[in-house]
């Protein structure tokens, strides 16, 4: 659980624009399956907003983790009142490094306008050595920002340096 300043940018006036609180409960069904249920509430000068989410993960030994998430809010503080994600995270079969990871997922959101967006993502985390990790990521987004005429491909690479 946590209690936070709703607008942390107002450093000299803490909690002057309200409070953001969040809580989460986790349940383990067995050693391989768990679920988290959480909620948040915020009162600011923009109004009162709240939301709920549920995450489910299922681990298959040391090979893969399947995940799903459902999130909903009253849509006041966000233009996304409903979203769903599903995917898989696993080791990389063609790599001899156990810390290398491969993941794919699909995220679907419905905007407060009723329009929707779907993103398909694939990423690969490659541990080069003890101080460098590279992670290329590619996404294909349909109906970008809810616009039925816009699709997009996004490609990035993240470099993590440890020193």
Protein backbone atom coordinates (compact mmCIF):
# COMPACT_ATOMS: atom_id res chain seq x y z
CA UNK A 1 0.00 0.00 0.00
CA UNK A 2 1.13 3.53 -0.57
CA UNK A 3 0.06 7.12 -0.07
CA UNK A 4 1.56 9.74 -2.37
CA UNK A 5 1.36 13.40 -3.27
CA UNK A 6 -1.02 13.67 -6.24
CA UNK A 7 1.21 16.29 -7.87
CA UNK A 8 4.87 15.70 -6.93
CA UNK A 9 5.95 18.59 -9.18
CA UNK A 10 4.81 21.02 -6.46
CA UNK A 11 7.80 20.26 -4.25
CA UNK A 12 7.38 23.32 -2.04
CA UNK A 13 3.67 22.67 -1.46
CA UNK A 14 3.38 18.94 -0.66
CA UNK A 15 -0.12 17.47 -0.88
CA UNK A 16 -1.49 20.87 -1.96
CA UNK A 17 -3.24 19.33 -4.97
CA UNK A 18 -4.50 16.16 -3.34
CA UNK A 19 -3.55 12.61 -2.45
CA UNK A 20 -2.95 9.50 -4.56
CA UNK A 21 -3.29 6.17 -2.75
CA UNK A 22 -2.78 2.65 -4.06
CA UNK A 23 -3.00 -0.84 -2.64
CA UNK A 24 -2.34 -4.34 -3.94
CA UNK A 25 -3.06 -7.83 -2.67
CA UNK A 26 -1.23 -10.90 -4.00
CA UNK A 27 -2.33 -14.51 -3.77
CA UNK A 28 -0.26 -17.57 -4.66
CA UNK A 29 -2.43 -20.46 -5.86
CA UNK A 30 0.65 -22.69 -5.93
CA UNK A 31 4.36 -22.25 -6.59
CA UNK A 32 3.71 -21.59 -10.30
CA UNK A 33 0.59 -19.39 -10.37
CA UNK A 34 -0.14 -16.10 -8.67
CA UNK A 35 -2.58 -13.24 -8.95
CA UNK A 36 -2.43 -9.61 -7.89
CA UNK A 37 -5.49 -7.43 -7.43
CA UNK A 38 -5.04 -3.74 -6.85
CA UNK A 39 -6.80 -0.46 -6.83
CA UNK A 40 -6.03 3.22 -6.70
CA UNK A 41 -7.88 6.37 -5.82
CA UNK A 42 -6.94 10.00 -6.26
CA UNK A 43 -8.51 13.29 -5.25
CA UNK A 44 -7.08 16.35 -6.96
CA UNK A 45 -8.22 19.76 -8.15
CA UNK A 46 -9.21 17.98 -11.40
CA UNK A 47 -11.66 15.75 -9.54
CA UNK A 48 -11.97 12.32 -8.01
CA UNK A 49 -10.70 9.31 -9.95
CA UNK A 50 -10.20 5.63 -9.22
CA UNK A 51 -9.32 2.35 -10.90
CA UNK A 52 -8.82 -1.37 -10.44
CA UNK A 53 -6.48 -3.91 -11.98
CA UNK A 54 -5.83 -7.65 -11.91
CA UNK A 55 -2.63 -9.42 -12.95
CA UNK A 56 -2.26 -13.18 -13.36
CA UNK A 57 1.06 -14.97 -13.91
CA UNK A 58 1.74 -18.64 -14.54
CA UNK A 59 5.31 -19.94 -14.48
CA UNK A 60 6.28 -23.10 -16.34
CA UNK A 61 9.31 -24.29 -14.39
CA UNK A 62 12.33 -22.25 -15.51
CA UNK A 63 11.23 -21.98 -19.13
CA UNK A 64 8.45 -19.38 -19.45
CA UNK A 65 6.01 -17.09 -17.68
CA UNK A 66 2.60 -16.36 -19.16
CA UNK A 67 0.90 -13.17 -18.00
CA UNK A 68 -2.40 -11.35 -18.37
CA UNK A 69 -3.59 -8.01 -17.03
CA UNK A 70 -6.96 -6.30 -16.99
CA UNK A 71 -7.25 -2.66 -15.87
CA UNK A 72 -10.22 -0.33 -15.60
CA UNK A 73 -10.74 3.20 -14.35
CA UNK A 74 -13.48 5.78 -14.26
CA UNK A 75 -11.65 7.63 -17.05
CA UNK A 76 -11.35 11.03 -15.39
CA UNK A 77 -7.56 11.10 -14.97
CA UNK A 78 -6.90 9.01 -18.06
CA UNK A 79 -8.37 8.67 -21.54
CA UNK A 80 -8.03 4.88 -21.21
CA UNK A 81 -10.83 3.57 -18.99
CA UNK A 82 -10.29 -0.08 -20.06
CA UNK A 83 -7.20 -2.04 -21.07
CA UNK A 84 -6.09 -5.66 -21.45
CA UNK A 85 -2.64 -7.19 -21.90
CA UNK A 86 -1.48 -10.76 -22.49
CA UNK A 87 1.92 -12.23 -23.25
CA UNK A 88 4.81 -14.54 -22.50
CA UNK A 89 8.32 -14.06 -21.12
CA UNK A 90 10.86 -16.82 -21.60
CA UNK A 91 14.49 -17.70 -21.88
CA UNK A 92 16.04 -17.69 -25.32
CA UNK A 93 16.48 -21.18 -26.83
CA UNK A 94 19.33 -20.15 -29.18
CA UNK A 95 21.34 -18.41 -26.42
CA UNK A 96 23.74 -20.05 -24.00
CA UNK A 97 23.23 -17.20 -21.49
CA UNK A 98 20.57 -17.93 -18.90
CA UNK A 99 19.92 -14.23 -18.28
CA UNK A 100 18.88 -13.57 -21.89
CA UNK A 101 15.11 -13.07 -22.18
CA UNK A 102 12.56 -13.06 -25.00
CA UNK A 103 9.07 -11.64 -24.62
CA UNK A 104 6.03 -11.06 -26.79
CA UNK A 105 2.72 -9.51 -25.92
CA UNK A 106 -0.48 -7.89 -27.06
CA UNK A 107 -2.05 -4.85 -25.41
CA UNK A 108 -5.53 -3.60 -26.25
CA UNK A 109 -7.09 -0.41 -24.89
CA UNK A 110 -10.47 1.20 -25.32
CA UNK A 111 -10.44 4.98 -25.08
CA UNK A 112 -13.17 7.07 -23.45
CA UNK A 113 -14.27 8.04 -26.98
CA UNK A 114 -15.06 4.36 -27.72
CA UNK A 115 -12.18 4.05 -30.18
CA UNK A 116 -9.52 1.43 -29.55
CA UNK A 117 -5.80 0.72 -30.08
CA UNK A 118 -3.94 -2.60 -30.24
CA UNK A 119 -0.19 -2.98 -29.87
CA UNK A 120 1.83 -6.11 -30.69
CA UNK A 121 5.30 -6.18 -29.14
CA UNK A 122 8.38 -8.39 -29.35
CA UNK A 123 11.51 -7.77 -27.32
CA UNK A 124 14.79 -9.56 -26.67
CA UNK A 125 17.09 -8.80 -23.75
CA UNK A 126 20.70 -9.77 -24.45
CA UNK A 127 23.19 -9.73 -21.57
CA UNK A 128 26.46 -8.88 -23.31
CA UNK A 129 28.60 -9.03 -20.17
CA UNK A 130 28.42 -8.08 -16.48
CA UNK A 131 28.17 -4.35 -17.28
CA UNK A 132 26.15 -4.15 -20.53
CA UNK A 133 22.68 -5.37 -21.47
CA UNK A 134 21.04 -4.59 -24.83
CA UNK A 135 17.33 -4.86 -25.44
CA UNK A 136 15.92 -4.28 -28.93
CA UNK A 137 12.15 -3.90 -29.03
CA UNK A 138 9.69 -3.65 -31.91
CA UNK A 139 6.01 -2.76 -31.74
CA UNK A 140 3.29 -2.68 -34.35
CA UNK A 141 0.41 -0.43 -33.26
CA UNK A 142 -2.99 -0.54 -34.95
CA UNK A 143 -5.35 2.43 -34.68
CA UNK A 144 -2.71 4.66 -33.09
CA UNK A 145 -4.34 6.81 -30.36
CA UNK A 146 -7.71 5.45 -31.46
CA UNK A 147 -7.44 6.76 -35.01
CA UNK A 148 -8.68 4.00 -37.37
CA UNK A 149 -6.57 5.44 -40.21
CA UNK A 150 -3.20 5.40 -38.39
CA UNK A 151 -0.93 2.44 -37.81
CA UNK A 152 2.66 2.65 -36.65
CA UNK A 153 5.83 0.62 -36.25
CA UNK A 154 8.05 1.60 -33.33
CA UNK A 155 11.56 0.21 -32.94
CA UNK A 156 13.86 1.03 -30.05
CA UNK A 157 16.96 -0.35 -28.40
CA UNK A 158 17.61 0.03 -24.70
CA UNK A 159 21.13 -0.14 -23.35
CA UNK A 160 21.66 -0.77 -19.62
CA UNK A 161 25.07 0.05 -18.23
CA UNK A 162 26.03 -1.21 -14.77
CA UNK A 163 29.01 0.33 -13.06
